[in-house]
Amino acid sequence: MGAIRFLLAITVVINHTGPLFGLVFTDAYIAIKIFFIISGFYMSLILREKYVGPGSYRLFITNRLLRLFPAYWAILALAVTVSLFFRTFLDSSLLLGPWFARQEFLNPLTAATLILANLSIFGQDILFFMGLAKGTGALYFDSNALLSPQPAWFFLLIPQAWTLSLELIFYLLAPFLVRRRLALLLLLAGASFAVRYYIYRVELPIDPWEQRFFPAEFGFFILGILCHRFYARITTRGMRPWLPQAVTLSFLGYLAIYQFLPGGFAKELLTYALAIFALPYAFVFTKYVGWDRTIGELSYPIYISHWLIIVVVRYFYPQSMLPILSVVVSVAFCFAFNVFFSERIERYRQKRVLAAS
């Protein structure tokens, strides 16, 4: 599924830069929800096949933390370093801008809370529901916080990492979910989507309530677990050899032309249904394809680094060049990042699994 993950990551990038040669593929939030489905699929897969036996919960959680945090902290440190360099030698503070320009919205406790959120990832989603009071610097809840005088999330250096906060919550729950009966999983998914419907009915702002609120996003992770069960079913039956490739390429093509297809909400629902159907076949088709794994492994570093790359590129180049340069620089940087950093962490993670087996 590497090519799919890569395309979804690029989709998020160009949704933040503007169209790439007229292409935006899907909406960024749709791409993120498909990422949540993929996460549910993978967590169900590895919890059933790799993390079994005594101590498996602890090993699973610590290995997931090793997957996310070293790379995140490396990009966070780079964001601070680059921003301080720009502030010292150029005329911009980049991602540190709010920390210098809006100190009237900070007090020591709030600053410590925001620093902790930047370091720990946990709770970054909650900051999208909060504002900062001018003068006192107090954090306060706001149902429409994105339009508050000072949204709290402005002080996040990797603001897109709110999704990682949701991922971490799911990781804590996943070992208790993947072996549950189908009826319970359907009930949990239904409850989550009922929350989404309620949010729609009471007319809460779509962003952040339908985009960053864990109870409303939880259902997509559950869909991923169900997707893995579909995979287990199709792999125990005879399958035409051409089918996985055909389904995978068709789904990639669908994502590529999504923006040109008619339909609104129904098209979005169709996309999730197609993802659930296509991902198991994509896994069958690509699980032994080395290049697919290589480009798939770019998706996480692209996702966490692209905002820093965008603001740096935007400083030097006009908007017309921002999409292509941001994509090219992101891919090149993340390829090097994986070779010199992430692959070492990955080898250590796999050694821990082998040692426990």
Protein backbone atom coordinates (compact mmCIF):
# COMPACT_ATOMS: atom_id res chain seq x y z
CA MET A 1 0.00 0.00 0.00
CA GLY A 2 3.02 2.24 -0.19
CA ALA A 3 1.99 4.05 -3.36
CA ILE A 4 -1.41 4.82 -1.85
CA ARG A 5 0.14 6.17 1.35
CA PHE A 6 2.59 8.26 -0.69
CA LEU A 7 -0.19 9.74 -2.83
CA LEU A 8 -2.20 10.58 0.28
CA ALA A 9 0.81 12.34 1.85
CA ILE A 10 1.39 14.36 -1.32
CA THR A 11 -2.32 15.21 -1.30
CA VAL A 12 -1.94 16.76 2.15
CA VAL A 13 1.08 18.75 0.96
CA ILE A 14 -0.62 20.26 -2.07
CA ASN A 15 -3.77 20.99 -0.08
CA HIS A 16 -1.51 23.26 1.98
CA THR A 17 0.36 24.82 -0.96
CA GLY A 18 -2.25 25.11 -3.68
CA PRO A 19 -2.81 22.89 -6.73
CA LEU A 20 0.08 21.05 -8.35
CA PHE A 21 -0.34 21.61 -12.10
CA GLY A 22 -4.06 22.01 -11.42
CA LEU A 23 -4.29 18.84 -9.33
CA VAL A 24 -5.33 18.61 -5.69
CA PHE A 25 -6.49 14.95 -5.78
CA THR A 26 -8.79 14.57 -2.75
CA ASP A 27 -9.48 16.95 0.09
CA ALA A 28 -6.75 16.78 2.75
CA TYR A 29 -9.22 15.69 5.41
CA ILE A 30 -10.43 12.82 3.24
CA ALA A 31 -6.80 11.78 2.77
CA ILE A 32 -6.31 11.87 6.55
CA LYS A 33 -9.38 9.72 7.15
CA ILE A 34 -8.08 7.15 4.68
CA PHE A 35 -4.82 7.24 6.64
CA PHE A 36 -6.87 6.43 9.76
CA ILE A 37 -8.44 3.47 7.94
CA ILE A 38 -4.97 2.29 6.87
CA SER A 39 -3.77 2.65 10.46
CA GLY A 40 -6.64 0.51 11.72
CA PHE A 41 -5.82 -2.10 9.07
CA TYR A 42 -2.11 -2.22 9.94
CA MET A 43 -2.64 -2.27 13.69
CA SER A 44 -5.09 -5.15 13.38
CA LEU A 45 -2.66 -6.99 11.11
CA ILE A 46 0.41 -6.69 13.31
CA LEU A 47 -1.44 -7.25 16.57
CA ARG A 48 -2.73 -10.55 15.22
CA GLU A 49 0.48 -11.68 13.53
CA LYS A 50 3.44 -10.02 15.24
CA TYR A 51 2.55 -8.85 18.74
CA VAL A 52 1.22 -11.95 20.47
CA GLY A 53 1.90 -13.60 23.80
CA PRO A 54 3.07 -12.29 27.19
CA GLY A 55 4.38 -8.74 27.14
CA SER A 56 2.96 -8.07 23.69
CA TYR A 57 0.97 -4.99 24.75
CA ARG A 58 4.02 -3.27 26.20
CA LEU A 59 6.15 -4.21 23.18
CA PHE A 60 3.48 -2.98 20.78
CA ILE A 61 3.03 0.37 22.54
CA THR A 62 6.76 1.04 22.92
CA ASN A 63 7.43 0.10 19.31
CA ARG A 64 4.67 2.44 18.12
CA LEU A 65 6.19 5.21 20.22
CA LEU A 66 9.57 4.47 18.62
CA ARG A 67 7.90 4.68 15.24
CA LEU A 68 6.47 8.14 15.85
CA PHE A 69 8.53 10.05 18.39
CA PRO A 70 12.19 9.95 17.23
CA ALA A 71 11.27 11.23 13.76
CA TYR A 72 8.83 13.76 15.22
CA TRP A 73 11.39 15.10 17.69
CA ALA A 74 14.02 15.32 14.96
CA ILE A 75 11.70 17.43 12.78
CA LEU A 76 10.66 19.49 15.80
CA ALA A 77 14.30 20.23 16.63
CA LEU A 78 14.91 21.14 12.99
CA ALA A 79 11.88 23.45 13.01
CA VAL A 80 13.20 25.27 16.08
CA THR A 81 16.73 25.50 14.67
CA VAL A 82 15.65 26.74 11.24
CA SER A 83 13.22 29.25 12.74
CA LEU A 84 15.89 30.64 15.08
CA PHE A 85 18.33 30.88 12.17
CA PHE A 86 15.79 32.88 10.15
CA ARG A 87 15.07 35.12 13.13
CA THR A 88 18.78 35.76 13.71
CA PHE A 89 19.97 36.27 10.15
CA LEU A 90 16.84 37.05 8.13
CA ASP A 91 13.61 38.94 8.79
CA SER A 92 11.27 36.11 9.75
CA SER A 93 10.73 33.86 12.76
CA LEU A 94 8.92 31.24 10.64
CA LEU A 95 7.20 28.69 12.91
CA LEU A 96 8.32 30.49 16.07
CA GLY A 97 6.61 33.68 14.95
CA PRO A 98 3.64 33.47 17.36
CA TRP A 99 5.97 32.75 20.29
CA PHE A 100 7.78 36.05 19.71
CA ALA A 101 4.99 38.23 18.32
CA ARG A 102 2.08 37.26 20.57
CA GLN A 103 3.58 37.06 24.03
CA GLU A 104 0.65 39.04 25.45
CA PHE A 105 -1.36 35.84 24.99
CA LEU A 106 1.05 33.77 27.10
CA ASN A 107 1.63 33.30 30.79
CA PRO A 108 4.17 30.87 32.31
CA LEU A 109 1.64 28.08 32.87
CA THR A 110 0.16 28.39 29.38
CA ALA A 111 3.62 28.54 27.81
CA ALA A 112 4.64 25.39 29.71
CA THR A 113 1.43 23.65 28.58
CA LEU A 114 2.06 24.56 24.94
CA ILE A 115 5.70 23.47 25.13
CA LEU A 116 4.61 20.15 26.63
CA ALA A 117 2.06 19.67 23.85
CA ASN A 118 4.74 20.33 21.24
CA LEU A 119 7.04 17.78 22.87
CA SER A 120 4.57 15.07 23.79
CA ILE A 121 2.16 15.19 20.80
CA PHE A 122 -0.61 14.15 23.17
CA GLY A 123 -3.28 16.82 23.43
CA GLN A 124 -2.40 18.71 20.26
CA ASP A 125 -5.86 17.94 18.91
CA ILE A 126 -7.43 19.53 22.01
CA LEU A 127 -5.64 22.82 21.34
CA PHE A 128 -7.76 23.24 18.20
CA PHE A 129 -10.74 23.60 20.55
CA MET A 130 -9.11 26.29 22.69
CA GLY A 131 -8.22 29.95 22.54
CA LEU A 132 -5.89 32.17 24.54
CA ALA A 133 -7.14 35.17 26.50
CA LYS A 134 -5.24 38.37 25.76
CA GLY A 135 -3.67 39.88 28.85
CA THR A 136 -4.10 36.89 31.16
CA GLY A 137 -2.79 34.25 28.76
CA ALA A 138 -5.33 31.75 30.07
CA LEU A 139 -6.42 28.84 27.91
CA TYR A 140 -10.18 28.63 27.44
CA PHE A 141 -12.54 26.32 25.57
CA ASP A 142 -14.21 27.76 22.47
CA SER A 143 -16.63 25.73 20.35
CA ASN A 144 -15.45 27.73 17.34
CA ALA A 145 -11.85 28.17 18.44
CA LEU A 146 -10.42 28.52 14.94
CA LEU A 147 -12.13 31.92 14.78
CA SER A 148 -11.15 33.00 18.28
CA PRO A 149 -8.92 36.12 18.62
CA GLN A 150 -5.95 33.86 19.34
CA PRO A 151 -6.33 30.15 18.58
CA ALA A 152 -4.10 28.03 20.80
CA TRP A 153 -2.92 25.84 17.93
CA PHE A 154 -0.94 28.76 16.47
CA PHE A 155 1.79 27.87 18.96
CA LEU A 156 2.25 24.35 17.58
CA LEU A 157 5.42 24.04 15.51
CA ILE A 158 4.15 20.95 13.69
CA PRO A 159 0.43 21.77 13.68
CA GLN A 160 -0.52 18.85 11.44
CA ALA A 161 0.60 16.49 14.23
CA TRP A 162 -2.89 16.72 15.75
CA THR A 163 -3.56 13.54 13.77
CA LEU A 164 -0.71 11.82 15.62
CA SER A 165 -2.42 12.62 18.91
CA LEU A 166 -5.48 10.73 17.68
CA GLU A 167 -3.26 7.90 16.44
CA LEU A 168 -1.66 7.58 19.87
CA ILE A 169 -5.05 7.28 21.54
CA PHE A 170 -6.00 4.56 19.06
CA TYR A 171 -2.74 2.70 19.70
CA LEU A 172 -3.60 2.52 23.39
CA LEU A 173 -7.02 1.06 22.55
CA ALA A 174 -6.17 -1.12 19.55
CA PRO A 175 -4.93 -4.24 21.42
CA PHE A 176 -8.30 -4.40 23.18
CA LEU A 177 -10.28 -4.00 19.95
CA VAL A 178 -8.77 -6.09 17.19
CA ARG A 179 -10.03 -9.44 18.50
CA ARG A 180 -13.48 -8.26 19.51
CA ARG A 181 -16.65 -9.61 17.96
CA LEU A 182 -17.89 -8.05 14.76
CA ALA A 183 -21.07 -6.85 16.45
CA LEU A 184 -19.13 -4.80 19.01
CA LEU A 185 -16.92 -3.23 16.35
CA LEU A 186 -19.97 -2.30 14.29
CA LEU A 187 -21.57 -0.82 17.41
CA LEU A 188 -18.48 1.28 18.16
CA ALA A 189 -18.21 2.48 14.57
CA GLY A 190 -21.91 3.29 14.54
CA ALA A 191 -21.60 5.26 17.76
CA SER A 192 -18.71 7.26 16.33
CA PHE A 193 -20.59 8.09 13.16
CA ALA A 194 -23.65 8.97 15.26
CA VAL A 195 -21.46 11.55 16.98
CA ARG A 196 -20.54 12.94 13.57
CA TYR A 197 -24.23 13.12 12.63
CA TYR A 198 -25.08 14.86 15.90
CA ILE A 199 -22.34 17.44 15.27
CA TYR A 200 -23.87 18.06 11.85
CA ARG A 201 -27.39 18.36 13.24
CA VAL A 202 -26.52 20.87 15.97
CA GLU A 203 -24.42 22.82 13.45
CA LEU A 204 -21.15 22.82 15.32
CA PRO A 205 -18.27 24.04 13.13
CA ILE A 206 -17.08 21.25 10.83
CA ASP A 207 -13.52 22.20 11.69
CA PRO A 208 -12.60 21.20 14.36
CA TRP A 209 -15.59 19.10 15.43
CA GLU A 210 -15.82 16.76 12.43
CA GLN A 211 -12.12 16.88 11.65
CA ARG A 212 -10.17 16.65 14.90
CA PHE A 213 -12.59 15.34 17.57
CA PHE A 214 -11.51 11.80 18.49
CA PRO A 215 -15.00 10.38 19.18
CA ALA A 216 -16.03 11.53 15.69
CA GLU A 217 -12.85 10.17 14.05
CA PHE A 218 -12.68 6.89 15.99
CA GLY A 219 -15.01 5.14 13.55
CA PHE A 220 -12.47 5.38 10.73
CA PHE A 221 -9.92 3.42 12.77
CA ILE A 222 -12.62 0.80 13.40
CA LEU A 223 -13.30 0.67 9.66
CA GLY A 224 -9.62 -0.18 9.25
CA ILE A 225 -9.96 -3.12 11.64
CA LEU A 226 -12.97 -4.32 9.64
CA CYS A 227 -10.93 -3.80 6.49
CA HIS A 228 -8.32 -6.21 7.85
CA ARG A 229 -11.03 -8.78 8.52
CA PHE A 230 -12.07 -8.46 4.89
CA TYR A 231 -8.42 -9.05 3.96
CA ALA A 232 -8.31 -12.20 6.10
CA ARG A 233 -11.41 -13.47 4.32
CA ILE A 234 -10.26 -12.86 0.75
CA THR A 235 -6.83 -14.39 1.35
CA THR A 236 -8.34 -17.67 2.52
CA ARG A 237 -10.21 -18.07 -0.75
CA GLY A 238 -9.09 -18.48 -4.30
CA MET A 239 -8.30 -15.17 -5.99
CA ARG A 240 -7.72 -14.41 -9.64
CA PRO A 241 -4.05 -13.37 -9.96
CA TRP A 242 -4.83 -10.16 -11.83
CA LEU A 243 -7.41 -8.90 -9.33
CA PRO A 244 -5.15 -7.30 -6.65
CA GLN A 245 -3.23 -5.32 -9.26
CA ALA A 246 -6.40 -4.22 -11.04
CA VAL A 247 -8.09 -3.08 -7.83
CA THR A 248 -4.99 -1.25 -6.58
CA LEU A 249 -4.37 0.63 -9.81
CA SER A 250 -8.05 1.46 -10.17
CA PHE A 251 -8.16 2.93 -6.67
CA LEU A 252 -5.02 4.98 -7.29
CA GLY A 253 -6.59 6.24 -10.50
CA TYR A 254 -9.78 7.11 -8.66
CA LEU A 255 -7.86 9.16 -6.08
CA ALA A 256 -5.94 10.92 -8.86
CA ILE A 257 -9.13 12.08 -10.64
CA TYR A 258 -11.29 12.53 -7.54
CA GLN A 259 -11.49 16.31 -7.90
CA PHE A 260 -12.99 16.03 -11.38
CA LEU A 261 -15.77 13.62 -10.41
CA PRO A 262 -19.29 14.92 -9.70
CA GLY A 263 -20.94 14.56 -6.33
CA GLY A 264 -20.53 15.99 -2.85
CA PHE A 265 -21.02 14.09 0.39
CA ALA A 266 -22.06 10.94 -1.48
CA LYS A 267 -18.72 10.98 -3.32
CA GLU A 268 -16.90 11.23 -0.01
CA LEU A 269 -18.80 8.22 1.37
CA LEU A 270 -18.05 6.31 -1.82
CA THR A 271 -14.35 7.07 -1.37
CA TYR A 272 -14.30 5.52 2.09
CA ALA A 273 -16.20 2.46 0.84
CA LEU A 274 -13.76 2.05 -2.04
CA ALA A 275 -10.83 2.39 0.36
CA ILE A 276 -12.18 -0.40 2.57
CA PHE A 277 -12.62 -2.60 -0.49
CA ALA A 278 -9.33 -1.72 -2.20
CA LEU A 279 -6.82 -1.67 0.67
CA PRO A 280 -6.81 -5.44 1.30
CA TYR A 281 -6.13 -6.09 -2.39
CA ALA A 282 -3.47 -3.38 -2.40
CA PHE A 283 -1.74 -5.09 0.51
CA VAL A 284 -1.80 -8.43 -1.31
CA PHE A 285 -0.44 -6.81 -4.47
CA THR A 286 2.38 -4.83 -2.87
CA LYS A 287 3.50 -6.61 0.30
CA TYR A 288 6.53 -8.13 -1.43
CA VAL A 289 7.29 -5.12 -3.67
CA GLY A 290 10.40 -3.37 -2.36
CA TRP A 291 9.98 -0.06 -4.16
CA ASP A 292 6.40 0.24 -2.95
CA ARG A 293 7.54 -0.14 0.65
CA THR A 294 10.29 2.44 0.07
CA ILE A 295 7.94 5.14 -1.19
CA GLY A 296 5.36 4.21 1.42
CA GLU A 297 7.90 4.83 4.16
CA LEU A 298 8.23 8.40 2.87
CA SER A 299 4.64 9.18 3.84
CA TYR A 300 5.21 9.74 7.57
CA PRO A 301 8.26 12.03 7.30
CA ILE A 302 6.60 13.92 4.44
CA TYR A 303 3.56 14.45 6.60
CA ILE A 304 5.40 15.76 9.67
CA SER A 305 8.01 17.84 7.81
CA HIS A 306 6.05 19.37 4.95
CA TRP A 307 4.79 22.43 6.85
CA LEU A 308 8.34 23.45 7.77
CA ILE A 309 9.43 22.93 4.17
CA ILE A 310 6.48 24.95 2.88
CA VAL A 311 7.22 28.00 5.05
CA VAL A 312 10.90 27.92 4.08
CA VAL A 313 10.14 27.60 0.36
CA ARG A 314 7.49 30.32 0.61
CA TYR A 315 10.06 32.72 2.05
CA PHE A 316 12.31 32.45 -1.01
CA TYR A 317 9.95 31.72 -3.90
CA PRO A 318 6.63 33.04 -5.26
CA GLN A 319 3.34 31.22 -4.82
CA SER A 320 3.44 29.99 -8.41
CA MET A 321 6.46 27.82 -7.59
CA LEU A 322 5.38 26.78 -4.10
CA PRO A 323 3.50 23.54 -4.92
CA ILE A 324 6.12 21.88 -7.12
CA LEU A 325 9.10 22.99 -5.03
CA SER A 326 7.43 21.94 -1.78
CA VAL A 327 6.67 18.48 -3.16
CA VAL A 328 10.13 17.98 -4.68
CA VAL A 329 12.00 19.25 -1.61
CA SER A 330 9.76 17.22 0.73
CA VAL A 331 10.35 13.99 -1.17
CA ALA A 332 14.10 14.55 -1.50
CA PHE A 333 14.53 15.59 2.12
CA CYS A 334 12.46 12.69 3.44
CA PHE A 335 14.29 10.15 1.33
CA ALA A 336 17.57 11.29 2.89
CA PHE A 337 15.93 11.49 6.32
CA ASN A 338 14.85 7.87 6.06
CA VAL A 339 18.24 6.65 4.85
CA PHE A 340 20.27 8.42 7.52
CA PHE A 341 17.83 8.41 10.44
CA SER A 342 14.56 6.50 10.25
CA GLU A 343 15.95 3.23 8.90
CA ARG A 344 18.21 2.91 11.94
CA ILE A 345 15.25 3.32 14.25
CA GLU A 346 13.29 0.80 12.19
CA ARG A 347 16.03 -1.82 12.44
CA TYR A 348 16.06 -1.38 16.20
CA ARG A 349 12.27 -1.75 16.35
CA GLN A 350 12.37 -5.00 14.40
CA LYS A 351 15.18 -6.36 16.56
CA ARG A 352 12.99 -5.84 19.61
CA VAL A 353 10.21 -7.87 18.01
CA LEU A 354 12.59 -10.68 17.04
CA ALA A 355 14.10 -10.76 20.52
CA ALA A 356 10.66 -11.15 22.04
CA SER A 357 9.53 -13.93 19.69
